[in-house]
Amino acid sequence: MVSVDTLREEQAINRTTDHLIQVFAGAHPPEHVEGVTKAAHLRFAGHPVREFVPILVERIARGELTAQVAANAQDRPTAPPKTSADGQSETATTAQNEAKAESNPETAADISDSSGIHSPESDPPSPPRLSRVRGKKFLSLILVAAAVVVAAVVVVNVRQAQVPAPPPLTIVRGVIGSEKKAFFEDPRVVRALAGKGVRVEVEPAGSRQIATSVDLARYDFAFPSSAPAGEWIQRQRRISTKYTPFSSPMAIATFRPIADLLIKAGVAKQGPVLAFNVGRYLELVTTDVTWDQLPGNAAYPVDKSVLVSTTDPRTSNSAAMYLAIAGYVANGGKIVHGAGAEKSVLPLMTKLFTSQGYTDNTSEGPFHEYLTVGMGPAPLVWIYEAQFIDAATRGQVKPGMVLMYPSPTVLSQHTLVPLNASGDRVGRLLSTDPELQRLAAEHGFRSGDTARFAEVAADHRVPIATDLIDVVDIPSYDTLEHLLDGVAKSYG
């Protein structure tokens, strides 16, 4: 079965061949252009890195075809005249024969036969026939001259087309949530943006850091991982514009033995996807249940509290999303709002974080540990769905690693806030360009290209929640800040 990348490369080579056939029309026959392009493509057979092959093939083929046109036009050798059996040149013999034919038409047939020319039309010959022959010879000379002129024009045009250097790319700098780093570093994304005249340089940071402590004067856009963080940036900098190119629901990365254990304990449920009951989980946290206390636990019999590992709530958006879900469930299935509700849920929210010990600033850290170390340090890791799918496309998800959806969950809206015109340009491109939307889907983000997102998940055997039903709203930025500040104080 032909892979998607191989199919794309073949389509690109076909487009290149068609383009070169048009460029060198009149100078080279189509089959020759096709042969040169095919030979250039074969040079890269077996090379593992394929991204730039179509570009290199076009450059090589164009260069060879241009050189051939120049050689044919400028160094065309003059063929020596052919001689007849008596030593005379063929041209001279033909002239003599034509003169005889004109003076004595009756001998024209003999002359034609003696020169080796015979056709039904020349039996019997006539002067008009010889006029047509001379006319055709003259026309042939004109066509040859025209071909030389066309070839020369093609050479000049091709050379002129290659002389101008492409305009310099506009460098646009942004600060982004770490989970989008792989997307911006993808060579395909880099090329797609370059095709629009843009080179994007990014620096990762925790989404809450982006909103509260990063010096945004150094950047052209801010791209945190949540709408509340983006809202805060807009408010502080009095910016009305924002873009939401893609989103990702929150999820839990775990292992099959842990999932089976939680199913027995009534915390998880197996359906089309694994569902994690947040209410039942909070009951275990409240009563200080440890892993070795779960019935029938032979998979992870350790004396550690049953906790989901998160990032640092003081810096990271994913931790704020975890707090939003837990706060909603602890508040009786209602969005936390107002001082009374905040005060009621804060003790449990604090315990969820402080009981973990050290936490990383960004979601990249704990998920990397999950992929490389295994379930020893953290059997349950709070992540973005996109991280798991992206890791699967890279071959980093090992057998036994599974994705679990909290119930309820929240949808993290990746919000780009443009800080100037250049940042606005990137926001528009990410939100509207079909190629960039497709590439976002291939990195596991839920973009406008929903079909490609589903294909990527299916191709890499990642069961996903196709219809996100049990999704709750996020509290306002102010409420989240109050809760996060309260948790931060408990760290001392």
Protein backbone atom coordinates (compact mmCIF):
# COMPACT_ATOMS: atom_id res chain seq x y z
CA MET A 1 0.00 0.00 0.00
CA VAL A 2 1.38 3.42 -0.97
CA SER A 3 1.93 5.70 2.02
CA VAL A 4 0.38 9.15 2.18
CA ASP A 5 3.82 10.83 2.08
CA THR A 6 4.87 8.77 -0.97
CA LEU A 7 1.64 9.69 -2.76
CA ARG A 8 2.17 13.39 -2.01
CA GLU A 9 5.74 13.21 -3.35
CA GLU A 10 4.59 11.54 -6.58
CA GLN A 11 1.90 14.16 -7.07
CA ALA A 12 4.47 16.93 -6.52
CA ILE A 13 6.85 15.34 -9.07
CA ASN A 14 3.99 15.09 -11.59
CA ARG A 15 3.17 18.77 -11.10
CA THR A 16 6.86 19.64 -11.53
CA THR A 17 7.05 17.63 -14.77
CA ASP A 18 3.95 19.34 -16.19
CA HIS A 19 5.35 22.75 -15.28
CA LEU A 20 8.73 22.07 -16.93
CA ILE A 21 7.02 20.76 -20.08
CA GLN A 22 5.26 24.12 -20.36
CA VAL A 23 8.43 26.11 -19.62
CA PHE A 24 10.48 24.30 -22.27
CA ALA A 25 7.72 23.92 -24.87
CA GLY A 26 9.29 24.33 -28.32
CA ALA A 27 12.77 23.64 -27.02
CA HIS A 28 12.36 20.05 -25.80
CA PRO A 29 9.70 17.43 -26.58
CA PRO A 30 7.50 16.51 -23.59
CA GLU A 31 8.87 12.97 -23.40
CA HIS A 32 12.42 14.31 -23.11
CA VAL A 33 11.46 16.68 -20.29
CA GLU A 34 9.70 13.79 -18.55
CA GLY A 35 12.77 11.59 -18.91
CA VAL A 36 15.14 14.22 -17.48
CA THR A 37 12.81 14.85 -14.53
CA LYS A 38 12.44 11.13 -13.86
CA ALA A 39 16.23 10.66 -13.92
CA ALA A 40 16.65 13.53 -11.44
CA HIS A 41 14.04 11.94 -9.15
CA LEU A 42 15.83 8.57 -9.25
CA ARG A 43 18.95 10.20 -7.79
CA PHE A 44 17.16 10.42 -4.45
CA ALA A 45 15.95 6.82 -4.33
CA GLY A 46 16.53 5.34 -0.88
CA HIS A 47 17.13 8.64 0.89
CA PRO A 48 15.22 8.67 4.21
CA VAL A 49 14.49 12.42 4.30
CA ARG A 50 11.90 13.18 1.60
CA GLU A 51 10.53 16.64 2.44
CA PHE A 52 12.70 18.61 0.02
CA VAL A 53 12.98 16.01 -2.79
CA PRO A 54 10.44 17.66 -5.19
CA ILE A 55 12.21 21.03 -4.86
CA LEU A 56 15.64 19.51 -5.53
CA VAL A 57 14.33 17.48 -8.48
CA GLU A 58 12.93 20.62 -10.13
CA ARG A 59 16.21 22.49 -9.68
CA ILE A 60 18.30 19.66 -11.16
CA ALA A 61 15.95 19.02 -14.10
CA ARG A 62 15.55 22.73 -14.88
CA GLY A 63 19.33 23.21 -14.85
CA GLU A 64 19.97 20.28 -17.21
CA LEU A 65 17.21 21.25 -19.62
CA THR A 66 18.38 24.88 -19.70
CA ALA A 67 21.96 23.81 -20.41
CA GLN A 68 20.78 21.57 -23.25
CA VAL A 69 18.78 24.40 -24.83
CA ALA A 70 21.78 26.71 -24.64
CA ALA A 71 24.08 24.09 -26.20
CA ASN A 72 21.65 23.38 -29.02
CA ALA A 73 21.08 27.06 -29.78
CA GLN A 74 24.67 28.33 -29.57
CA ASP A 75 26.82 25.37 -30.59
CA ARG A 76 24.69 23.77 -33.33
CA PRO A 77 27.21 22.17 -35.81
CA THR A 78 26.85 22.80 -39.57
CA ALA A 79 26.48 19.51 -41.41
CA PRO A 80 28.85 19.09 -44.48
CA PRO A 81 27.12 18.75 -47.88
CA LYS A 82 26.48 15.19 -49.01
CA THR A 83 28.23 14.11 -52.22
CA SER A 84 26.94 12.03 -55.08
CA ALA A 85 28.67 9.04 -56.59
CA ASP A 86 30.53 11.25 -59.11
CA GLY A 87 31.99 13.43 -56.40
CA GLN A 88 29.66 16.38 -56.80
CA SER A 89 27.90 17.79 -53.83
CA GLU A 90 24.27 16.81 -53.45
CA THR A 91 23.28 20.48 -53.51
CA ALA A 92 25.12 21.12 -56.77
CA THR A 93 23.67 17.99 -58.35
CA THR A 94 20.17 18.97 -57.33
CA ALA A 95 20.64 22.47 -58.81
CA GLN A 96 21.88 21.04 -62.11
CA ASN A 97 19.00 18.62 -62.28
CA GLU A 98 16.47 21.31 -61.60
CA ALA A 99 18.01 23.49 -64.36
CA LYS A 100 17.76 20.61 -66.84
CA ALA A 101 14.19 19.94 -65.82
CA GLU A 102 13.24 23.52 -66.47
CA SER A 103 14.90 23.60 -69.93
CA ASN A 104 13.51 20.18 -70.98
CA PRO A 105 10.48 19.00 -69.04
CA GLU A 106 10.48 15.66 -70.84
CA THR A 107 13.73 14.63 -69.17
CA ALA A 108 12.47 15.48 -65.66
CA ALA A 109 11.43 11.90 -64.94
CA ASP A 110 14.86 10.56 -65.86
CA ILE A 111 16.56 13.17 -63.76
CA SER A 112 14.34 12.33 -60.77
CA ASP A 113 15.08 8.64 -61.09
CA SER A 114 18.82 9.22 -61.44
CA SER A 115 18.88 11.23 -58.23
CA GLY A 116 17.06 8.51 -56.34
CA ILE A 117 13.80 10.45 -55.96
CA HIS A 118 10.62 8.63 -56.93
CA SER A 119 7.01 9.08 -55.99
CA PRO A 120 3.61 8.60 -57.64
CA GLU A 121 3.33 12.32 -58.11
CA SER A 122 6.54 12.45 -60.17
CA ASP A 123 5.21 9.98 -62.75
CA PRO A 124 4.93 11.93 -65.06
CA PRO A 125 6.59 14.99 -63.46
CA SER A 126 5.71 18.55 -64.11
CA PRO A 127 7.23 21.97 -63.35
CA PRO A 128 4.58 22.74 -60.68
CA ARG A 129 5.78 19.65 -58.75
CA LEU A 130 9.33 21.03 -58.65
CA SER A 131 8.01 24.39 -57.51
CA ARG A 132 6.23 22.71 -54.63
CA VAL A 133 9.45 20.86 -53.72
CA ARG A 134 11.40 24.11 -53.68
CA GLY A 135 8.57 25.75 -51.70
CA LYS A 136 8.65 23.00 -49.09
CA LYS A 137 12.43 23.26 -48.81
CA PHE A 138 12.14 26.99 -48.31
CA LEU A 139 9.40 26.46 -45.69
CA SER A 140 11.61 23.93 -43.91
CA LEU A 141 14.41 26.46 -43.73
CA ILE A 142 12.00 29.00 -42.22
CA LEU A 143 10.79 26.49 -39.63
CA VAL A 144 14.36 25.59 -38.65
CA ALA A 145 15.23 29.25 -38.26
CA ALA A 146 12.07 29.82 -36.21
CA ALA A 147 12.94 26.87 -33.93
CA VAL A 148 16.38 28.35 -33.30
CA VAL A 149 14.82 31.72 -32.42
CA VAL A 150 12.28 30.08 -30.09
CA ALA A 151 15.04 28.10 -28.39
CA ALA A 152 17.08 31.25 -27.89
CA VAL A 153 14.04 33.06 -26.45
CA VAL A 154 13.42 30.15 -24.05
CA VAL A 155 17.03 30.27 -22.89
CA VAL A 156 16.82 34.02 -22.27
CA ASN A 157 13.47 33.73 -20.49
CA VAL A 158 14.60 30.84 -18.30
CA ARG A 159 17.79 32.67 -17.38
CA GLN A 160 15.89 35.84 -16.61
CA ALA A 161 13.38 33.89 -14.49
CA GLN A 162 16.23 32.49 -12.41
CA VAL A 163 18.07 35.75 -11.88
CA PRO A 164 15.79 37.59 -9.42
CA ALA A 165 16.30 36.43 -5.85
CA PRO A 166 13.13 35.66 -3.88
CA PRO A 167 12.00 38.43 -1.55
CA PRO A 168 13.29 38.07 2.04
CA LEU A 169 10.97 36.37 4.50
CA THR A 170 9.32 38.46 7.18
CA ILE A 171 10.50 37.19 10.55
CA VAL A 172 7.67 37.01 13.08
CA ARG A 173 8.39 36.14 16.71
CA GLY A 174 5.93 34.56 19.08
CA VAL A 175 5.72 33.09 22.57
CA ILE A 176 3.70 29.88 22.63
CA GLY A 177 2.46 27.12 24.90
CA SER A 178 5.02 24.30 24.83
CA GLU A 179 2.56 21.75 23.38
CA LYS A 180 2.66 23.68 20.06
CA LYS A 181 6.45 23.63 19.73
CA ALA A 182 6.54 20.47 17.57
CA PHE A 183 3.98 22.00 15.20
CA PHE A 184 6.01 25.16 14.58
CA GLU A 185 9.23 23.16 14.19
CA ASP A 186 7.74 20.83 11.59
CA PRO A 187 9.61 21.43 8.28
CA ARG A 188 6.29 21.21 6.43
CA VAL A 189 4.86 24.02 8.55
CA VAL A 190 8.03 26.05 8.04
CA ARG A 191 7.72 25.62 4.25
CA ALA A 192 4.01 26.44 4.23
CA LEU A 193 4.63 29.68 6.13
CA ALA A 194 7.64 30.51 3.95
CA GLY A 195 5.38 30.10 0.92
CA LYS A 196 3.35 32.96 2.37
CA GLY A 197 6.48 35.05 2.93
CA VAL A 198 6.78 34.41 6.68
CA ARG A 199 9.35 32.80 8.94
CA VAL A 200 8.02 32.24 12.45
CA GLU A 201 10.41 32.02 15.40
CA VAL A 202 8.87 30.81 18.67
CA GLU A 203 9.81 30.42 22.30
CA PRO A 204 7.80 28.12 24.60
CA ALA A 205 6.52 29.12 28.02
CA GLY A 206 3.78 28.17 30.42
CA SER A 207 0.47 29.67 29.30
CA ARG A 208 -0.11 31.38 32.63
CA GLN A 209 3.42 32.77 32.46
CA ILE A 210 2.63 34.17 29.02
CA ALA A 211 -0.37 35.99 30.45
CA THR A 212 1.21 37.26 33.65
CA SER A 213 5.01 37.49 33.63
CA VAL A 214 6.48 37.22 30.10
CA ASP A 215 7.69 40.48 28.55
CA LEU A 216 5.44 40.56 25.50
CA ALA A 217 7.20 43.63 24.08
CA ARG A 218 9.75 41.21 22.59
CA TYR A 219 7.16 39.38 20.49
CA ASP A 220 4.76 39.88 17.61
CA PHE A 221 2.14 37.49 18.96
CA ALA A 222 1.26 35.53 22.10
CA PHE A 223 -0.20 32.05 21.71
CA PRO A 224 -1.24 30.56 25.07
CA SER A 225 -3.27 27.37 25.28
CA SER A 226 -6.50 28.71 26.70
CA ALA A 227 -9.13 31.34 26.09
CA PRO A 228 -8.88 32.82 29.64
CA ALA A 229 -5.14 33.46 29.25
CA GLY A 230 -5.74 35.04 25.85
CA GLU A 231 -8.57 37.12 27.30
CA TRP A 232 -6.27 38.46 30.00
CA ILE A 233 -3.62 39.47 27.45
CA GLN A 234 -6.26 41.22 25.36
CA ARG A 235 -7.55 43.06 28.38
CA GLN A 236 -4.13 44.19 29.60
CA ARG A 237 -2.96 45.36 26.20
CA ARG A 238 -6.35 46.63 25.00
CA ILE A 239 -6.43 44.38 21.96
CA SER A 240 -9.77 43.35 20.50
CA THR A 241 -8.50 40.85 17.93
CA LYS A 242 -7.84 37.18 18.64
CA TYR A 243 -7.62 33.95 16.64
CA THR A 244 -8.43 30.38 17.66
CA PRO A 245 -6.83 28.25 14.93
CA PHE A 246 -7.34 24.97 16.77
CA SER A 247 -8.28 23.37 20.07
CA SER A 248 -7.69 20.26 22.15
CA PRO A 249 -9.70 18.63 24.94
CA MET A 250 -7.89 17.73 28.14
CA ALA A 251 -7.11 14.05 28.62
CA ILE A 252 -5.15 11.60 30.78
CA ALA A 253 -2.25 9.51 29.53
CA THR A 254 -2.08 6.18 31.34
CA PHE A 255 -1.27 2.48 30.89
CA ARG A 256 -3.53 -0.47 30.19
CA PRO A 257 -2.91 -2.21 33.59
CA ILE A 258 -3.74 1.06 35.41
CA ALA A 259 -6.87 1.55 33.32
CA ASP A 260 -8.05 -1.98 34.08
CA LEU A 261 -7.38 -1.41 37.79
CA LEU A 262 -9.41 1.82 37.77
CA ILE A 263 -12.25 0.09 35.92
CA LYS A 264 -12.46 -2.48 38.76
CA ALA A 265 -12.46 0.36 41.30
CA GLY A 266 -15.31 2.14 39.52
CA VAL A 267 -13.17 5.15 38.63
CA ALA A 268 -12.93 4.40 34.91
CA LYS A 269 -15.29 2.93 32.34
CA GLN A 270 -14.53 1.23 29.05
CA GLY A 271 -16.62 2.31 26.08
CA PRO A 272 -15.64 3.46 22.59
CA VAL A 273 -13.02 5.40 24.57
CA LEU A 274 -11.80 5.15 28.15
CA ALA A 275 -13.70 7.52 30.45
CA PHE A 276 -12.34 8.73 33.79
CA ASN A 277 -14.99 9.56 36.41
CA VAL A 278 -13.74 12.77 38.05
CA GLY A 279 -16.36 12.60 40.84
CA ARG A 280 -15.31 9.10 41.89
CA TYR A 281 -11.65 10.12 41.66
CA LEU A 282 -12.18 13.10 44.00
CA GLU A 283 -13.73 10.74 46.53
CA LEU A 284 -10.51 8.69 46.55
CA VAL A 285 -8.44 11.85 47.01
CA THR A 286 -10.66 13.13 49.82
CA THR A 287 -10.37 9.83 51.74
CA ASP A 288 -6.60 9.49 51.09
CA VAL A 289 -6.87 6.16 49.30
CA THR A 290 -3.53 4.78 48.11
CA TRP A 291 -2.86 2.57 45.11
CA ASP A 292 -2.15 -0.55 47.15
CA GLN A 293 -5.56 -0.19 48.82
CA LEU A 294 -7.43 -0.66 45.55
CA PRO A 295 -8.99 -4.15 45.39
CA GLY A 296 -7.16 -6.75 43.33
CA ASN A 297 -4.21 -4.49 42.68
CA ALA A 298 -1.33 -6.56 41.38
CA ALA A 299 -0.33 -4.11 38.62
CA TYR A 300 0.77 -1.12 40.75
CA PRO A 301 0.88 -2.10 44.46
CA VAL A 302 2.59 1.02 45.84
CA ASP A 303 1.87 3.09 48.93
CA LYS A 304 1.18 6.32 47.07
CA SER A 305 -1.96 8.41 46.90
CA VAL A 306 -4.13 7.93 43.83
CA LEU A 307 -3.39 11.22 42.08
CA VAL A 308 -3.27 12.56 38.57
CA SER A 309 0.09 14.18 37.85
CA THR A 310 -0.19 17.73 36.51
CA THR A 311 1.98 20.72 35.75
CA ASP A 312 2.63 23.62 38.12
CA PRO A 313 -0.64 25.57 38.62
CA ARG A 314 1.32 28.79 39.13
CA THR A 315 2.65 28.76 35.55
CA SER A 316 0.81 26.29 33.35
CA ASN A 317 -2.54 26.38 31.55
CA SER A 318 -3.06 22.61 31.62
CA ALA A 319 -3.01 22.73 35.43
CA ALA A 320 -5.58 25.54 35.33
CA MET A 321 -7.80 23.34 33.12
CA TYR A 322 -7.45 20.50 35.66
CA LEU A 323 -8.50 22.91 38.40
CA ALA A 324 -11.48 24.08 36.33
CA ILE A 325 -12.81 20.52 35.95
CA ALA A 326 -12.16 19.51 39.55
CA GLY A 327 -13.69 22.77 40.81
CA TYR A 328 -16.82 22.20 38.72
CA VAL A 329 -17.35 18.68 40.12
CA ALA A 330 -16.50 19.72 43.70
CA ASN A 331 -18.99 22.59 43.39
CA GLY A 332 -21.84 20.18 42.76
CA GLY A 333 -21.71 20.24 38.99
CA LYS A 334 -21.70 24.03 38.72
CA ILE A 335 -19.10 26.45 37.39
CA VAL A 336 -17.26 28.05 40.26
CA HIS A 337 -18.26 31.70 40.54
CA GLY A 338 -18.14 34.11 43.43
CA ALA A 339 -16.20 34.28 46.68
CA GLY A 340 -18.38 31.70 48.46
CA ALA A 341 -17.91 28.99 45.85
CA GLU A 342 -14.19 29.72 45.60
CA LYS A 343 -13.77 29.39 49.36
CA SER A 344 -15.74 26.13 49.39
CA VAL A 345 -13.68 24.26 46.80
CA LEU A 346 -10.25 25.74 47.53
CA PRO A 347 -9.15 23.22 50.23
CA LEU A 348 -9.66 20.24 47.93
CA MET A 349 -8.09 22.07 44.98
CA THR A 350 -5.04 22.78 47.10
CA LYS A 351 -4.72 19.13 48.11
CA LEU A 352 -4.86 17.98 44.49
CA PHE A 353 -1.72 19.94 43.72
CA THR A 354 0.34 20.02 46.91
CA SER A 355 0.10 16.25 47.37
CA GLN A 356 1.95 15.70 44.11
CA GLY A 357 5.30 17.13 45.19
CA TYR A 358 7.39 18.67 42.41
CA THR A 359 5.51 19.72 39.27
CA ASP A 360 6.90 20.95 35.95
CA ASN A 361 6.27 24.41 34.46
CA THR A 362 4.98 23.13 31.12
CA SER A 363 3.02 20.09 29.90
CA GLU A 364 5.99 18.98 27.82
CA GLY A 365 7.91 17.82 30.93
CA PRO A 366 5.52 15.30 32.55
CA PHE A 367 4.41 13.91 29.20
CA HIS A 368 8.02 13.32 28.15
CA GLU A 369 8.55 11.42 31.41
CA TYR A 370 5.44 9.36 30.68
CA LEU A 371 6.76 8.41 27.22
CA THR A 372 10.29 7.56 28.32
CA VAL A 373 10.17 6.30 31.93
CA GLY A 374 6.90 4.39 32.17
CA MET A 375 4.28 4.19 34.90
CA GLY A 376 6.64 4.05 37.88
CA PRO A 377 6.82 7.78 38.73
CA ALA A 378 3.37 8.79 37.44
CA PRO A 379 0.72 6.26 36.31
CA LEU A 380 -1.78 9.05 35.45
CA VAL A 381 -0.57 12.15 33.58
CA TRP A 382 -2.74 15.17 32.76
CA ILE A 383 -2.17 16.17 29.12
CA TYR A 384 -3.71 17.69 26.01
CA GLU A 385 -5.28 15.14 23.67
CA ALA A 386 -3.12 16.58 20.88
CA GLN A 387 0.07 15.58 22.68
CA PHE A 388 -0.87 11.90 22.68
CA ILE A 389 -1.91 11.86 19.01
CA ASP A 390 1.20 13.76 17.97
CA ALA A 391 3.40 11.30 19.89
CA ALA A 392 1.59 8.41 18.17
CA THR A 393 2.38 9.86 14.73
CA ARG A 394 6.05 9.98 15.75
CA GLY A 395 6.06 6.35 16.86
CA GLN A 396 6.65 7.30 20.51
CA VAL A 397 3.53 5.65 21.94
CA LYS A 398 4.50 2.16 23.06
CA PRO A 399 2.18 -0.86 23.41
CA GLY A 400 0.15 -0.61 26.60
CA MET A 401 0.00 3.19 26.59
CA VAL A 402 -3.60 4.40 26.40
CA LEU A 403 -5.55 7.66 26.27
CA MET A 404 -8.33 8.32 28.77
CA TYR A 405 -10.87 11.16 28.76
CA PRO A 406 -11.96 12.79 32.02
CA SER A 407 -15.69 13.02 32.52
CA PRO A 408 -16.43 15.87 32.45
CA THR A 409 -13.66 17.49 30.44
CA VAL A 410 -12.92 20.98 29.10
CA LEU A 411 -11.90 22.12 25.66
CA SER A 412 -8.70 24.09 25.65
CA GLN A 413 -9.00 26.78 22.97
CA HIS A 414 -5.52 27.69 21.75
CA THR A 415 -5.85 31.45 21.45
CA LEU A 416 -3.45 33.61 19.43
CA VAL A 417 -3.39 37.30 20.36
CA PRO A 418 -1.65 39.47 17.73
CA LEU A 419 0.51 42.18 19.22
CA ASN A 420 1.12 43.95 15.90
CA ALA A 421 0.40 43.62 12.18
CA SER A 422 2.95 40.82 11.67
CA GLY A 423 1.39 38.79 14.47
CA ASP A 424 -2.04 39.38 12.98
CA ARG A 425 -0.79 38.02 9.67
CA VAL A 426 0.31 34.76 11.33
CA GLY A 427 -2.99 34.48 13.18
CA ARG A 428 -4.95 34.80 9.94
CA LEU A 429 -2.73 32.27 8.15
CA LEU A 430 -3.03 29.66 10.91
CA SER A 431 -6.81 30.11 11.01
CA THR A 432 -7.61 30.17 7.29
CA ASP A 433 -4.86 28.49 5.27
CA PRO A 434 -6.02 24.93 4.34
CA GLU A 435 -2.47 23.54 4.35
CA LEU A 436 -1.71 24.86 7.84
CA GLN A 437 -5.08 23.64 9.11
CA ARG A 438 -4.31 20.19 7.71
CA LEU A 439 -0.87 20.14 9.31
CA ALA A 440 -2.36 21.19 12.65
CA ALA A 441 -4.69 18.19 12.41
CA GLU A 442 -1.70 15.95 11.69
CA HIS A 443 -0.17 17.16 14.95
CA GLY A 444 -3.27 16.07 16.82
CA PHE A 445 -5.04 19.43 17.11
CA ARG A 446 -8.73 19.72 16.35
CA SER A 447 -8.67 22.23 13.52
CA GLY A 448 -11.02 23.12 10.69
CA ASP A 449 -9.85 19.99 8.85
CA THR A 450 -11.90 17.54 10.93
CA ALA A 451 -11.63 14.78 8.33
CA ARG A 452 -7.84 14.82 8.41
CA PHE A 453 -7.84 14.81 12.23
CA ALA A 454 -10.01 11.66 12.26
CA GLU A 455 -7.79 10.02 9.62
CA VAL A 456 -4.61 10.68 11.60
CA ALA A 457 -6.08 9.21 14.79
CA ALA A 458 -7.40 6.16 12.94
CA ASP A 459 -4.16 5.59 11.03
CA HIS A 460 -2.23 5.44 14.32
CA ARG A 461 -4.88 3.45 16.19
CA VAL A 462 -5.69 6.07 18.78
CA PRO A 463 -9.33 5.80 19.89
CA ILE A 464 -10.66 9.35 20.18
CA ALA A 465 -13.89 10.90 21.38
CA THR A 466 -15.43 11.91 18.07
CA ASP A 467 -18.34 13.71 19.71
CA LEU A 468 -17.30 15.70 22.76
CA ILE A 469 -20.52 15.77 24.77
CA ASP A 470 -19.50 15.88 28.44
CA VAL A 471 -17.69 19.22 28.19
CA VAL A 472 -18.00 22.02 30.75
CA ASP A 473 -17.24 25.71 30.47
CA ILE A 474 -14.16 27.24 32.02
CA PRO A 475 -14.61 29.75 34.85
CA SER A 476 -13.79 33.37 34.12
CA TYR A 477 -10.17 34.42 34.17
CA ASP A 478 -10.65 36.28 37.46
CA THR A 479 -12.14 33.21 39.18
CA LEU A 480 -9.34 31.00 37.92
CA GLU A 481 -6.78 33.51 39.12
CA HIS A 482 -8.33 33.62 42.60
CA LEU A 483 -8.25 29.83 42.86
CA LEU A 484 -4.73 29.57 41.45
CA ASP A 485 -3.47 32.29 43.78
CA GLY A 486 -5.03 30.42 46.69
CA VAL A 487 -3.28 27.21 45.67
CA ALA A 488 0.00 29.07 45.14
CA LYS A 489 -0.06 30.41 48.70
CA SER A 490 -0.12 26.87 50.06
CA TYR A 491 3.25 26.19 48.43
CA GLY A 492 4.82 28.66 50.88
